[in-house]
Structure formats: structure tokens, C-alpha cells
Amino acid sequence: MSSSTPVIGVLALQGDVREHLIALAEADALARPVRRVEELAEVDALVIPGGESTTMSNLALAFGLMEPLRARVAAGMPVYGSCAGMIMLAEKILDGREDQQSVGGIDMTVRRNAFGRQNESFESAISFAHLDGEPVHGVFIRAPWVESVGAGVEVLAELPAADGAESRIVAVRQGNLLATSFHPELTGDHRVHALFARMVEQALEAARV
């Protein structure tokens, strides 16, 4: 790999870390796990994986990572959050624990476990803005949805609802931050990770100007 290859960390406190590392490598990014503050300082961007959002939040606090994460996000570090990672990037969480904290950064309200419990997991084809080809295959496992977004948030994908019910927002972007309710790392389709890698490259190029 060239020296210009972006280094993207995967927050490796809990969740499907290995799958994201593989997907990033397939997207031609240099991927490495991040568990400590000094490892966070060595990456250009970060993926916050799926898992259990309250556990992930508590571990980030225990490892002293929460404030450094917030500082890097505020400074413009690109971050992609899938499922629990989406919750971690939300400014407001519904149905979370009273003491649950988030990294924040995306002006959105997210409802935790909105699509139901583990045994109500499902898969669906999703039209995803800025991705060529077939719809993305979405895997939803105890997934959140986005209840509302601020003016600066771009909605990238919505899940059509049955029986005339309201569709649900399942992918968003705000600046250098990207989030999905679903798990593209579990499907073998690496287009979402490639989109994020391009976002990281563009952010690095802008920082060099």
C-alpha cells in the first residue's frame, strides 16, 4: 500500500470488529483495531461497530476513550458507525439507559432497539444514495432507527414500511460522519465501507490544502 493509504481504526471494545476490519481491507484501506487512547491518536478515521451500545459506552468510559473520541469528532475526524455505532454518534438517544452516554456529532435523534429484539432481526434491500449498482442488502439486528434529523444531516437511505406506515431513516451523513442502522460488514458487499474510505481520503486532502 502507498503511504497515502488512509489508516482507519475500528473501535475494538466490543462488537463485530473483525468483520469491519475485513471490509475496510477490501475497500483498500489500512485497518487496525483501536482499544487505547494512544492507538486512537494514530488513525486518520474510525469505525464504531455494531454490538451493544450501553456496553460499548461504558467500556469507552472505562478505557478513558470517550472524551478523546468526542474531541477527535469535534476536530473533524471521519467516523462511520453501524447499528450500535449509529447510536454512539447520535446527539440524542431514545429508549436508552438513563446513564448512557454517546460520542455525538450527528444532529439526529435515534431510537434504540427500534426494530425489535434479537429474534425479530430481518434483512431487506435498501436504496442507498451515492452508491451505484443494486440496492444494498441490509442486515438489521436489534437495530435502531433515526427518529429525526437536523438541517445539516443528509438522509442516505430509508426503509419502506409495510401497510402504509411511515418509512424509517436507516442511513445518514453529516460532514465527515456516516451512520447506518444495519450491518453492511456482514454481507460481503463493501460499497458502504468504500464510500467511507473515500470520505476519509477527501477529508485528508482537504486538511492538506
N, C-alpha and C. Protein backbone atom coordinates (compact mmCIF):
# COMPACT_ATOMS: atom_id res chain seq x y z
N MET A 1 0.83 -1.19 0.00
CA MET A 1 0.00 0.00 0.00
C MET A 1 0.87 1.25 0.00
N SER A 2 0.36 2.29 -0.60
CA SER A 2 1.12 3.52 -0.64
C SER A 2 1.03 4.24 0.69
N SER A 3 1.93 5.19 0.91
CA SER A 3 1.93 5.93 2.16
C SER A 3 0.70 6.81 2.30
N SER A 4 -0.01 7.05 1.16
CA SER A 4 -1.20 7.88 1.21
C SER A 4 -2.45 7.09 1.57
N THR A 5 -2.31 5.77 1.73
CA THR A 5 -3.47 4.95 2.10
C THR A 5 -3.99 5.37 3.47
N PRO A 6 -5.27 5.70 3.57
CA PRO A 6 -5.79 6.12 4.87
C PRO A 6 -5.73 5.01 5.90
N VAL A 7 -5.42 5.38 7.13
CA VAL A 7 -5.40 4.43 8.24
C VAL A 7 -6.72 4.59 8.99
N ILE A 8 -7.54 3.55 8.97
CA ILE A 8 -8.85 3.60 9.60
C ILE A 8 -8.89 2.60 10.74
N GLY A 9 -9.17 3.10 11.92
CA GLY A 9 -9.29 2.24 13.08
C GLY A 9 -10.69 1.69 13.22
N VAL A 10 -10.80 0.56 13.92
CA VAL A 10 -12.09 0.02 14.32
C VAL A 10 -12.10 -0.05 15.84
N LEU A 11 -13.05 0.62 16.46
CA LEU A 11 -13.13 0.61 17.91
C LEU A 11 -13.36 -0.82 18.39
N ALA A 12 -12.38 -1.36 19.08
CA ALA A 12 -12.34 -2.80 19.37
C ALA A 12 -12.62 -3.10 20.83
N LEU A 13 -13.61 -2.43 21.39
CA LEU A 13 -14.00 -2.67 22.77
C LEU A 13 -15.03 -3.79 22.87
N GLN A 14 -15.89 -3.90 21.83
CA GLN A 14 -16.98 -4.86 21.86
C GLN A 14 -17.66 -4.81 20.50
N GLY A 15 -18.22 -5.94 20.05
CA GLY A 15 -18.95 -5.92 18.79
C GLY A 15 -18.23 -6.65 17.67
N ASP A 16 -18.73 -6.46 16.43
CA ASP A 16 -18.24 -7.21 15.28
C ASP A 16 -17.04 -6.51 14.64
N VAL A 17 -15.95 -6.50 15.38
CA VAL A 17 -14.74 -5.78 14.97
C VAL A 17 -14.09 -6.45 13.76
N ARG A 18 -13.92 -7.75 13.81
CA ARG A 18 -13.21 -8.47 12.75
C ARG A 18 -13.87 -8.24 11.39
N GLU A 19 -15.19 -8.28 11.35
CA GLU A 19 -15.89 -8.11 10.08
C GLU A 19 -15.63 -6.74 9.46
N HIS A 20 -15.57 -5.71 10.29
CA HIS A 20 -15.27 -4.37 9.78
C HIS A 20 -13.82 -4.27 9.30
N LEU A 21 -12.90 -4.89 10.01
CA LEU A 21 -11.50 -4.88 9.57
C LEU A 21 -11.36 -5.51 8.18
N ILE A 22 -12.07 -6.61 7.97
CA ILE A 22 -12.02 -7.28 6.66
C ILE A 22 -12.64 -6.41 5.58
N ALA A 23 -13.81 -5.82 5.87
CA ALA A 23 -14.50 -4.98 4.88
C ALA A 23 -13.66 -3.76 4.51
N LEU A 24 -12.99 -3.15 5.48
CA LEU A 24 -12.14 -2.00 5.20
C LEU A 24 -10.95 -2.39 4.34
N ALA A 25 -10.36 -3.54 4.65
CA ALA A 25 -9.23 -4.02 3.84
C ALA A 25 -9.67 -4.25 2.40
N GLU A 26 -10.87 -4.78 2.21
CA GLU A 26 -11.40 -4.99 0.86
C GLU A 26 -11.65 -3.66 0.15
N ALA A 27 -11.84 -2.60 0.93
CA ALA A 27 -12.04 -1.26 0.36
C ALA A 27 -10.72 -0.51 0.21
N ASP A 28 -9.61 -1.24 0.31
CA ASP A 28 -8.25 -0.69 0.11
C ASP A 28 -7.85 0.32 1.17
N ALA A 29 -8.38 0.17 2.37
CA ALA A 29 -7.93 0.99 3.49
C ALA A 29 -7.02 0.15 4.38
N LEU A 30 -6.13 0.81 5.08
CA LEU A 30 -5.29 0.16 6.07
C LEU A 30 -6.06 0.18 7.39
N ALA A 31 -6.50 -0.99 7.84
CA ALA A 31 -7.39 -1.06 9.01
C ALA A 31 -6.66 -1.67 10.19
N ARG A 32 -6.95 -1.14 11.38
CA ARG A 32 -6.35 -1.66 12.60
C ARG A 32 -7.29 -1.46 13.77
N PRO A 33 -7.27 -2.36 14.76
CA PRO A 33 -8.13 -2.20 15.93
C PRO A 33 -7.65 -1.07 16.83
N VAL A 34 -8.59 -0.43 17.50
CA VAL A 34 -8.28 0.66 18.43
C VAL A 34 -8.93 0.34 19.78
N ARG A 35 -8.09 0.22 20.80
CA ARG A 35 -8.58 -0.03 22.16
C ARG A 35 -8.10 1.02 23.15
N ARG A 36 -7.05 1.74 22.81
CA ARG A 36 -6.44 2.67 23.76
C ARG A 36 -6.32 4.07 23.14
N VAL A 37 -6.16 5.05 24.01
CA VAL A 37 -6.09 6.44 23.57
C VAL A 37 -4.94 6.64 22.60
N GLU A 38 -3.78 6.03 22.89
CA GLU A 38 -2.62 6.20 22.01
C GLU A 38 -2.86 5.57 20.64
N GLU A 39 -3.66 4.50 20.56
CA GLU A 39 -4.00 3.91 19.27
C GLU A 39 -4.96 4.80 18.50
N LEU A 40 -5.88 5.45 19.20
CA LEU A 40 -6.80 6.38 18.54
C LEU A 40 -6.03 7.53 17.90
N ALA A 41 -4.97 7.98 18.56
CA ALA A 41 -4.19 9.10 18.04
C ALA A 41 -3.46 8.76 16.75
N GLU A 42 -3.30 7.46 16.45
CA GLU A 42 -2.51 7.03 15.30
C GLU A 42 -3.34 6.78 14.05
N VAL A 43 -4.67 6.94 14.13
CA VAL A 43 -5.51 6.65 12.96
C VAL A 43 -6.08 7.94 12.37
N ASP A 44 -6.40 7.87 11.07
CA ASP A 44 -7.00 9.01 10.37
C ASP A 44 -8.50 9.07 10.56
N ALA A 45 -9.11 7.93 10.84
CA ALA A 45 -10.56 7.84 10.92
C ALA A 45 -10.91 6.62 11.76
N LEU A 46 -12.20 6.45 12.04
CA LEU A 46 -12.61 5.38 12.94
C LEU A 46 -13.96 4.80 12.51
N VAL A 47 -14.09 3.49 12.70
CA VAL A 47 -15.38 2.81 12.58
C VAL A 47 -15.81 2.39 13.98
N ILE A 48 -17.05 2.70 14.33
CA ILE A 48 -17.64 2.21 15.58
C ILE A 48 -18.60 1.09 15.19
N PRO A 49 -18.30 -0.14 15.57
CA PRO A 49 -19.05 -1.28 15.04
C PRO A 49 -20.38 -1.50 15.74
N GLY A 50 -21.11 -2.49 15.23
CA GLY A 50 -22.30 -2.94 15.91
C GLY A 50 -21.93 -3.71 17.16
N GLY A 51 -22.89 -3.85 18.04
CA GLY A 51 -22.68 -4.53 19.30
C GLY A 51 -23.80 -4.13 20.24
N GLU A 52 -23.47 -3.85 21.49
CA GLU A 52 -24.46 -3.41 22.47
C GLU A 52 -24.07 -2.01 22.91
N SER A 53 -24.91 -1.03 22.62
CA SER A 53 -24.49 0.36 22.73
C SER A 53 -24.19 0.78 24.17
N THR A 54 -24.96 0.26 25.14
CA THR A 54 -24.68 0.65 26.53
C THR A 54 -23.36 0.06 27.00
N THR A 55 -23.10 -1.19 26.63
CA THR A 55 -21.82 -1.82 26.98
C THR A 55 -20.66 -1.08 26.34
N MET A 56 -20.83 -0.73 25.07
CA MET A 56 -19.77 -0.01 24.36
C MET A 56 -19.51 1.35 25.00
N SER A 57 -20.57 2.05 25.36
CA SER A 57 -20.44 3.34 26.01
C SER A 57 -19.70 3.21 27.35
N ASN A 58 -20.09 2.22 28.15
CA ASN A 58 -19.45 2.02 29.45
C ASN A 58 -17.98 1.65 29.30
N LEU A 59 -17.66 0.83 28.31
CA LEU A 59 -16.26 0.44 28.09
C LEU A 59 -15.43 1.63 27.60
N ALA A 60 -16.03 2.47 26.73
CA ALA A 60 -15.31 3.66 26.27
C ALA A 60 -14.97 4.58 27.44
N LEU A 61 -15.90 4.69 28.38
CA LEU A 61 -15.64 5.48 29.58
C LEU A 61 -14.55 4.83 30.44
N ALA A 62 -14.64 3.51 30.61
CA ALA A 62 -13.68 2.79 31.45
C ALA A 62 -12.27 2.83 30.88
N PHE A 63 -12.16 2.82 29.55
CA PHE A 63 -10.85 2.84 28.90
C PHE A 63 -10.34 4.27 28.69
N GLY A 64 -11.09 5.26 29.16
CA GLY A 64 -10.67 6.65 29.00
C GLY A 64 -10.74 7.15 27.57
N LEU A 65 -11.62 6.55 26.76
CA LEU A 65 -11.70 6.89 25.34
C LEU A 65 -12.81 7.88 24.99
N MET A 66 -13.79 8.04 25.87
CA MET A 66 -14.96 8.83 25.49
C MET A 66 -14.59 10.28 25.17
N GLU A 67 -13.87 10.94 26.06
CA GLU A 67 -13.53 12.34 25.81
C GLU A 67 -12.58 12.50 24.62
N PRO A 68 -11.53 11.65 24.47
CA PRO A 68 -10.70 11.74 23.26
C PRO A 68 -11.50 11.50 21.98
N LEU A 69 -12.48 10.60 22.01
CA LEU A 69 -13.33 10.37 20.85
C LEU A 69 -14.14 11.63 20.52
N ARG A 70 -14.74 12.21 21.54
CA ARG A 70 -15.51 13.44 21.31
C ARG A 70 -14.63 14.55 20.76
N ALA A 71 -13.41 14.65 21.28
CA ALA A 71 -12.50 15.70 20.80
C ALA A 71 -12.11 15.47 19.35
N ARG A 72 -11.84 14.22 18.98
CA ARG A 72 -11.45 13.94 17.58
C ARG A 72 -12.63 14.20 16.63
N VAL A 73 -13.83 13.82 17.05
CA VAL A 73 -15.01 14.08 16.22
C VAL A 73 -15.22 15.58 16.04
N ALA A 74 -15.09 16.33 17.14
CA ALA A 74 -15.25 17.79 17.06
C ALA A 74 -14.19 18.43 16.18
N ALA A 75 -13.01 17.79 16.10
CA ALA A 75 -11.93 18.32 15.27
C ALA A 75 -12.04 17.88 13.81
N GLY A 76 -13.06 17.07 13.48
CA GLY A 76 -13.29 16.72 12.09
C GLY A 76 -12.89 15.32 11.67
N MET A 77 -12.49 14.44 12.62
CA MET A 77 -12.13 13.08 12.23
C MET A 77 -13.32 12.36 11.62
N PRO A 78 -13.16 11.73 10.46
CA PRO A 78 -14.26 10.94 9.89
C PRO A 78 -14.54 9.71 10.76
N VAL A 79 -15.82 9.44 10.97
CA VAL A 79 -16.26 8.28 11.74
C VAL A 79 -17.45 7.65 11.05
N TYR A 80 -17.46 6.32 10.98
CA TYR A 80 -18.61 5.57 10.48
C TYR A 80 -19.12 4.67 11.61
N GLY A 81 -20.39 4.77 11.93
CA GLY A 81 -21.00 3.93 12.94
C GLY A 81 -22.09 3.06 12.36
N SER A 82 -22.02 1.75 12.62
CA SER A 82 -23.08 0.84 12.17
C SER A 82 -23.82 0.30 13.39
N CYS A 83 -25.14 0.35 13.35
CA CYS A 83 -26.02 -0.16 14.40
C CYS A 83 -25.71 0.50 15.74
N ALA A 84 -25.05 -0.19 16.66
CA ALA A 84 -24.67 0.45 17.93
C ALA A 84 -23.80 1.67 17.69
N GLY A 85 -22.99 1.62 16.63
CA GLY A 85 -22.16 2.77 16.28
C GLY A 85 -22.99 3.98 15.89
N MET A 86 -24.13 3.74 15.24
CA MET A 86 -25.05 4.85 14.94
C MET A 86 -25.54 5.49 16.23
N ILE A 87 -25.89 4.67 17.21
CA ILE A 87 -26.35 5.20 18.50
C ILE A 87 -25.25 6.02 19.16
N MET A 88 -24.01 5.55 19.06
CA MET A 88 -22.88 6.26 19.66
C MET A 88 -22.65 7.62 19.02
N LEU A 89 -23.05 7.79 17.76
CA LEU A 89 -22.85 9.07 17.06
C LEU A 89 -24.04 10.02 17.18
N ALA A 90 -25.11 9.56 17.81
CA ALA A 90 -26.32 10.38 17.92
C ALA A 90 -26.18 11.42 19.02
N GLU A 91 -26.75 12.60 18.77
CA GLU A 91 -26.80 13.63 19.79
C GLU A 91 -27.86 13.33 20.85
N LYS A 92 -28.91 12.58 20.45
CA LYS A 92 -29.97 12.25 21.40
C LYS A 92 -30.41 10.80 21.18
N ILE A 93 -30.59 10.05 22.30
CA ILE A 93 -30.96 8.64 22.24
C ILE A 93 -32.29 8.45 22.96
N LEU A 94 -33.23 7.78 22.30
CA LEU A 94 -34.49 7.41 22.91
C LEU A 94 -34.44 5.94 23.32
N ASP A 95 -35.06 5.61 24.44
CA ASP A 95 -35.10 4.23 24.96
C ASP A 95 -33.73 3.71 25.39
N GLY A 96 -32.81 4.61 25.65
CA GLY A 96 -31.52 4.20 26.19
C GLY A 96 -31.56 4.22 27.72
N ARG A 97 -30.50 3.73 28.34
CA ARG A 97 -30.41 3.82 29.79
C ARG A 97 -30.20 5.26 30.22
N GLU A 98 -30.65 5.59 31.43
CA GLU A 98 -30.56 6.97 31.89
C GLU A 98 -29.13 7.47 31.94
N ASP A 99 -28.19 6.56 32.24
CA ASP A 99 -26.78 6.96 32.35
C ASP A 99 -26.00 6.75 31.06
N GLN A 100 -26.69 6.37 29.97
CA GLN A 100 -26.00 6.08 28.72
C GLN A 100 -25.45 7.35 28.09
N GLN A 101 -24.19 7.30 27.69
CA GLN A 101 -23.55 8.43 27.03
C GLN A 101 -23.23 8.09 25.59
N SER A 102 -23.12 9.13 24.76
CA SER A 102 -22.74 8.93 23.37
C SER A 102 -21.57 9.84 23.03
N VAL A 103 -20.93 9.52 21.93
CA VAL A 103 -19.87 10.39 21.39
C VAL A 103 -20.51 11.63 20.79
N GLY A 104 -21.66 11.44 20.12
CA GLY A 104 -22.34 12.54 19.46
C GLY A 104 -21.66 12.94 18.16
N GLY A 105 -22.13 14.01 17.58
CA GLY A 105 -21.57 14.52 16.34
C GLY A 105 -22.58 14.66 15.22
N ILE A 106 -23.55 13.73 15.16
CA ILE A 106 -24.60 13.82 14.15
C ILE A 106 -25.86 14.37 14.80
N ASP A 107 -26.42 15.42 14.21
CA ASP A 107 -27.60 16.08 14.74
C ASP A 107 -28.83 15.23 14.44
N MET A 108 -28.99 14.17 15.20
CA MET A 108 -30.12 13.25 14.99
C MET A 108 -30.57 12.67 16.32
N THR A 109 -31.82 12.28 16.33
CA THR A 109 -32.39 11.54 17.45
C THR A 109 -32.59 10.10 16.99
N VAL A 110 -32.03 9.16 17.75
CA VAL A 110 -32.06 7.74 17.39
C VAL A 110 -32.84 6.97 18.44
N ARG A 111 -33.67 6.05 17.98
CA ARG A 111 -34.40 5.18 18.92
C ARG A 111 -33.70 3.83 18.98
N ARG A 112 -33.25 3.48 20.16
CA ARG A 112 -32.52 2.24 20.40
C ARG A 112 -33.46 1.04 20.30
N ASN A 113 -32.96 -0.06 19.67
CA ASN A 113 -33.73 -1.31 19.51
C ASN A 113 -35.10 -1.06 18.88
N ALA A 114 -35.16 -0.12 17.95
CA ALA A 114 -36.45 0.31 17.40
C ALA A 114 -37.14 -0.78 16.59
N PHE A 115 -36.38 -1.62 15.93
CA PHE A 115 -36.97 -2.65 15.07
C PHE A 115 -37.27 -3.94 15.83
N GLY A 116 -37.05 -3.96 17.13
CA GLY A 116 -37.38 -5.15 17.91
C GLY A 116 -36.18 -5.85 18.47
N ARG A 117 -36.44 -6.98 19.12
CA ARG A 117 -35.40 -7.73 19.81
C ARG A 117 -34.65 -8.64 18.86
N GLN A 118 -33.69 -9.40 19.41
CA GLN A 118 -32.82 -10.25 18.59
C GLN A 118 -33.62 -11.19 17.69
N ASN A 119 -34.68 -11.79 18.22
CA ASN A 119 -35.45 -12.76 17.43
C ASN A 119 -36.32 -12.10 16.37
N GLU A 120 -36.33 -10.77 16.34
CA GLU A 120 -37.07 -10.05 15.31
C GLU A 120 -36.13 -9.45 14.27
N SER A 121 -34.90 -9.92 14.23
CA SER A 121 -33.93 -9.46 13.23
C SER A 121 -34.43 -9.83 11.84
N PHE A 122 -34.04 -9.03 10.85
CA PHE A 122 -34.51 -9.26 9.48
C PHE A 122 -33.52 -8.68 8.49
N GLU A 123 -33.75 -8.95 7.21
CA GLU A 123 -32.92 -8.43 6.13
C GLU A 123 -33.82 -7.78 5.09
N SER A 124 -33.26 -6.75 4.41
CA SER A 124 -34.07 -6.04 3.42
C SER A 124 -33.16 -5.36 2.40
N ALA A 125 -33.63 -5.25 1.18
CA ALA A 125 -32.93 -4.49 0.14
C ALA A 125 -33.21 -3.00 0.34
N ILE A 126 -32.16 -2.18 0.26
CA ILE A 126 -32.28 -0.76 0.57
C ILE A 126 -31.62 0.08 -0.53
N SER A 127 -32.34 1.04 -1.06
CA SER A 127 -31.75 2.01 -1.98
C SER A 127 -30.92 3.00 -1.19
N PHE A 128 -29.65 3.15 -1.58
CA PHE A 128 -28.69 3.93 -0.80
C PHE A 128 -28.10 5.01 -1.70
N ALA A 129 -28.28 6.27 -1.33
CA ALA A 129 -27.80 7.38 -2.16
C ALA A 129 -26.29 7.30 -2.35
N HIS A 130 -25.84 7.69 -3.54
CA HIS A 130 -24.42 7.81 -3.90
C HIS A 130 -23.73 6.46 -4.09
N LEU A 131 -24.47 5.36 -4.08
CA LEU A 131 -23.89 4.05 -4.35
C LEU A 131 -24.48 3.52 -5.64
N ASP A 132 -23.59 3.19 -6.59
CA ASP A 132 -24.03 2.65 -7.87
C ASP A 132 -24.38 1.18 -7.73
N GLY A 133 -25.18 0.70 -8.68
CA GLY A 133 -25.48 -0.71 -8.72
C GLY A 133 -26.75 -1.07 -7.97
N GLU A 134 -26.82 -2.31 -7.56
CA GLU A 134 -28.00 -2.85 -6.91
C GLU A 134 -28.23 -2.20 -5.55
N PRO A 135 -29.46 -2.32 -5.03
CA PRO A 135 -29.68 -1.86 -3.65
C PRO A 135 -28.76 -2.58 -2.68
N VAL A 136 -28.50 -1.94 -1.58
CA VAL A 136 -27.68 -2.53 -0.52
C VAL A 136 -28.52 -3.57 0.22
N HIS A 137 -27.88 -4.68 0.57
CA HIS A 137 -28.56 -5.71 1.36
C HIS A 137 -28.38 -5.37 2.84
N GLY A 138 -29.46 -4.95 3.49
CA GLY A 138 -29.38 -4.52 4.88
C GLY A 138 -29.69 -5.64 5.84
N VAL A 139 -28.78 -5.86 6.80
CA VAL A 139 -29.00 -6.84 7.87
C VAL A 139 -29.28 -6.06 9.15
N PHE A 140 -30.48 -6.22 9.69
CA PHE A 140 -30.92 -5.46 10.86
C PHE A 140 -30.99 -6.40 12.07
N ILE A 141 -30.14 -6.14 13.06
CA ILE A 141 -30.07 -6.97 14.27
C ILE A 141 -30.24 -6.06 15.49
N ARG A 142 -31.38 -6.14 16.15
CA ARG A 142 -31.69 -5.24 17.28
C ARG A 142 -31.35 -3.80 16.89
N ALA A 143 -31.77 -3.41 15.72
CA ALA A 143 -31.28 -2.18 15.10
C ALA A 143 -32.04 -0.95 15.58
N PRO A 144 -31.35 0.20 15.61
CA PRO A 144 -32.02 1.48 15.84
C PRO A 144 -32.61 2.01 14.54
N TRP A 145 -33.44 3.01 14.67
CA TRP A 145 -33.76 3.83 13.51
C TRP A 145 -33.62 5.30 13.92
N VAL A 146 -33.60 6.17 12.91
CA VAL A 146 -33.46 7.60 13.16
C VAL A 146 -34.84 8.23 13.20
N GLU A 147 -35.18 8.78 14.34
CA GLU A 147 -36.49 9.42 14.51
C GLU A 147 -36.55 10.77 13.81
N SER A 148 -35.47 11.55 13.90
CA SER A 148 -35.47 12.88 13.30
C SER A 148 -34.03 13.32 13.08
N VAL A 149 -33.85 14.25 12.14
CA VAL A 149 -32.52 14.78 11.84
C VAL A 149 -32.58 16.30 11.77
N GLY A 150 -31.42 16.93 12.02
CA GLY A 150 -31.30 18.36 11.89
C GLY A 150 -31.08 18.77 10.45
N ALA A 151 -31.05 20.06 10.22
CA ALA A 151 -30.96 20.60 8.86
C ALA A 151 -29.66 20.22 8.16
N GLY A 152 -28.59 19.98 8.91
CA GLY A 152 -27.31 19.67 8.30
C GLY A 152 -27.07 18.21 8.01
N VAL A 153 -28.07 17.37 8.23
CA VAL A 153 -27.92 15.93 8.06
C VAL A 153 -28.53 15.49 6.74
N GLU A 154 -27.78 14.73 5.95
CA GLU A 154 -28.29 14.17 4.69
C GLU A 154 -28.80 12.75 4.95
N VAL A 155 -30.04 12.50 4.57
CA VAL A 155 -30.61 11.16 4.66
C VAL A 155 -30.18 10.37 3.43
N LEU A 156 -29.48 9.26 3.66
CA LEU A 156 -28.95 8.44 2.56
C LEU A 156 -29.84 7.24 2.22
N ALA A 157 -30.58 6.76 3.19
CA ALA A 157 -31.41 5.57 2.94
C ALA A 157 -32.58 5.54 3.92
N GLU A 158 -33.72 5.06 3.40
CA GLU A 158 -34.90 4.86 4.23
C GLU A 158 -35.44 3.46 3.97
N LEU A 159 -35.99 2.87 5.00
CA LEU A 159 -36.59 1.55 4.89
C LEU A 159 -38.09 1.72 4.70
N PRO A 160 -38.61 1.32 3.52
CA PRO A 160 -40.06 1.46 3.31
C PRO A 160 -40.82 0.61 4.32
N ALA A 161 -41.89 1.15 4.83
CA ALA A 161 -42.70 0.43 5.81
C ALA A 161 -43.88 -0.25 5.13
N ALA A 162 -44.31 -1.35 5.70
CA ALA A 162 -45.46 -2.07 5.17
C ALA A 162 -46.76 -1.43 5.65
N ASP A 163 -47.83 -1.75 4.96
CA ASP A 163 -49.18 -1.35 5.37
C ASP A 163 -49.35 0.17 5.47
N GLY A 164 -48.61 0.90 4.63
CA GLY A 164 -48.79 2.33 4.59
C GLY A 164 -48.20 3.09 5.75
N ALA A 165 -47.45 2.41 6.63
CA ALA A 165 -46.84 3.09 7.77
C ALA A 165 -45.69 3.97 7.29
N GLU A 166 -45.23 4.83 8.17
CA GLU A 166 -44.16 5.77 7.83
C GLU A 166 -42.85 5.03 7.59
N SER A 167 -42.11 5.43 6.54
CA SER A 167 -40.79 4.84 6.31
C SER A 167 -39.83 5.31 7.39
N ARG A 168 -38.75 4.55 7.60
CA ARG A 168 -37.81 4.84 8.66
C ARG A 168 -36.43 5.15 8.09
N ILE A 169 -35.79 6.18 8.62
CA ILE A 169 -34.45 6.56 8.18
C ILE A 169 -33.45 5.56 8.76
N VAL A 170 -32.60 4.98 7.87
CA VAL A 170 -31.66 3.95 8.33
C VAL A 170 -30.21 4.25 7.93
N ALA A 171 -29.96 5.35 7.25
CA ALA A 171 -28.58 5.75 6.93
C ALA A 171 -28.53 7.25 6.77
N VAL A 172 -27.50 7.88 7.35
CA VAL A 172 -27.36 9.34 7.32
C VAL A 172 -25.89 9.72 7.20
N ARG A 173 -25.70 10.96 6.79
CA ARG A 173 -24.35 11.54 6.77
C ARG A 173 -24.44 13.00 7.21
N GLN A 174 -23.49 13.41 8.02
CA GLN A 174 -23.32 14.82 8.35
C GLN A 174 -21.82 15.12 8.32
N GLY A 175 -21.40 15.89 7.32
CA GLY A 175 -19.98 16.20 7.19
C GLY A 175 -19.15 14.95 7.03
N ASN A 176 -18.20 14.74 7.94
CA ASN A 176 -17.32 13.58 7.89
C ASN A 176 -17.86 12.38 8.66
N LEU A 177 -19.11 12.45 9.08
CA LEU A 177 -19.70 11.38 9.89
C LEU A 177 -20.76 10.63 9.09
N LEU A 178 -20.70 9.30 9.14
CA LEU A 178 -21.61 8.42 8.41
C LEU A 178 -22.17 7.40 9.39
N ALA A 179 -23.45 7.05 9.26
CA ALA A 179 -24.05 6.07 10.17
C ALA A 179 -25.13 5.28 9.45
N THR A 180 -25.19 3.98 9.78
CA THR A 180 -26.25 3.10 9.26
C THR A 180 -26.85 2.30 10.40
N SER A 181 -28.16 2.05 10.30
CA SER A 181 -28.84 1.18 11.27
C SER A 181 -28.43 -0.27 11.10
N PHE A 182 -28.04 -0.62 9.90
CA PHE A 182 -27.81 -2.02 9.53
C PHE A 182 -26.32 -2.33 9.45
N HIS A 183 -26.02 -3.59 9.13
CA HIS A 183 -24.66 -4.13 9.18
C HIS A 183 -24.14 -4.50 7.78
N PRO A 184 -23.61 -3.58 6.99
CA PRO A 184 -23.08 -3.96 5.68
C PRO A 184 -21.84 -4.84 5.78
N GLU A 185 -21.16 -4.83 6.93
CA GLU A 185 -19.96 -5.64 7.10
C GLU A 185 -20.26 -7.14 7.12
N LEU A 186 -21.54 -7.51 7.26
CA LEU A 186 -21.91 -8.92 7.35
C LEU A 186 -22.34 -9.52 6.02
N THR A 187 -22.31 -8.73 4.94
CA THR A 187 -22.92 -9.18 3.69
C THR A 187 -21.95 -9.52 2.57
N GLY A 188 -20.69 -9.12 2.69
CA GLY A 188 -19.75 -9.29 1.59
C GLY A 188 -19.81 -8.17 0.56
N ASP A 189 -20.75 -7.24 0.71
CA ASP A 189 -20.86 -6.06 -0.15
C ASP A 189 -20.16 -4.91 0.58
N HIS A 190 -19.03 -4.45 0.03
CA HIS A 190 -18.19 -3.49 0.73
C HIS A 190 -18.36 -2.06 0.21
N ARG A 191 -19.47 -1.77 -0.47
CA ARG A 191 -19.65 -0.44 -1.05
C ARG A 191 -19.80 0.65 0.01
N VAL A 192 -20.44 0.36 1.11
CA VAL A 192 -20.58 1.37 2.17
C VAL A 192 -19.20 1.67 2.77
N HIS A 193 -18.40 0.65 2.97
CA HIS A 193 -17.05 0.86 3.50
C HIS A 193 -16.18 1.61 2.49
N ALA A 194 -16.37 1.32 1.20
CA ALA A 194 -15.63 2.05 0.17
C ALA A 194 -16.04 3.51 0.14
N LEU A 195 -17.34 3.78 0.33
CA LEU A 195 -17.82 5.16 0.43
C LEU A 195 -17.15 5.87 1.60
N PHE A 196 -17.07 5.18 2.74
CA PHE A 196 -16.44 5.80 3.90
C PHE A 196 -14.95 6.03 3.65
N ALA A 197 -14.28 5.08 3.01
CA ALA A 197 -12.86 5.26 2.70
C ALA A 197 -12.65 6.49 1.81
N ARG A 198 -13.57 6.71 0.86
CA ARG A 198 -13.47 7.91 0.01
C ARG A 198 -13.69 9.17 0.84
N MET A 199 -14.61 9.13 1.78
CA MET A 199 -14.82 10.26 2.67
C MET A 199 -13.55 10.59 3.45
N VAL A 200 -12.86 9.54 3.91
CA VAL A 200 -11.62 9.74 4.66
C VAL A 200 -10.55 10.37 3.77
N GLU A 201 -10.42 9.85 2.54
CA GLU A 201 -9.42 10.40 1.61
C GLU A 201 -9.71 11.88 1.33
N GLN A 202 -10.98 12.21 1.12
CA GLN A 202 -11.35 13.61 0.84
C GLN A 202 -11.05 14.50 2.04
N ALA A 203 -11.32 13.99 3.25
CA ALA A 203 -11.02 14.78 4.46
C ALA A 203 -9.53 15.01 4.61
N LEU A 204 -8.71 13.99 4.30
CA LEU A 204 -7.25 14.15 4.40
C LEU A 204 -6.75 15.14 3.36
N GLU A 205 -7.31 15.08 2.14
CA GLU A 205 -6.91 16.02 1.09
C GLU A 205 -7.28 17.45 1.49
N ALA A 206 -8.46 17.64 2.05
CA ALA A 206 -8.89 18.97 2.46
C ALA A 206 -8.00 19.52 3.59
N ALA A 207 -7.55 18.63 4.46
CA ALA A 207 -6.70 19.06 5.58
C ALA A 207 -5.31 19.48 5.10
N ARG A 208 -4.89 18.91 3.94
CA ARG A 208 -3.56 19.24 3.42
C ARG A 208 -3.55 20.56 2.65
N VAL A 209 -4.71 21.04 2.24
CA VAL A 209 -4.78 22.28 1.44
C VAL A 209 -4.46 23.49 2.32
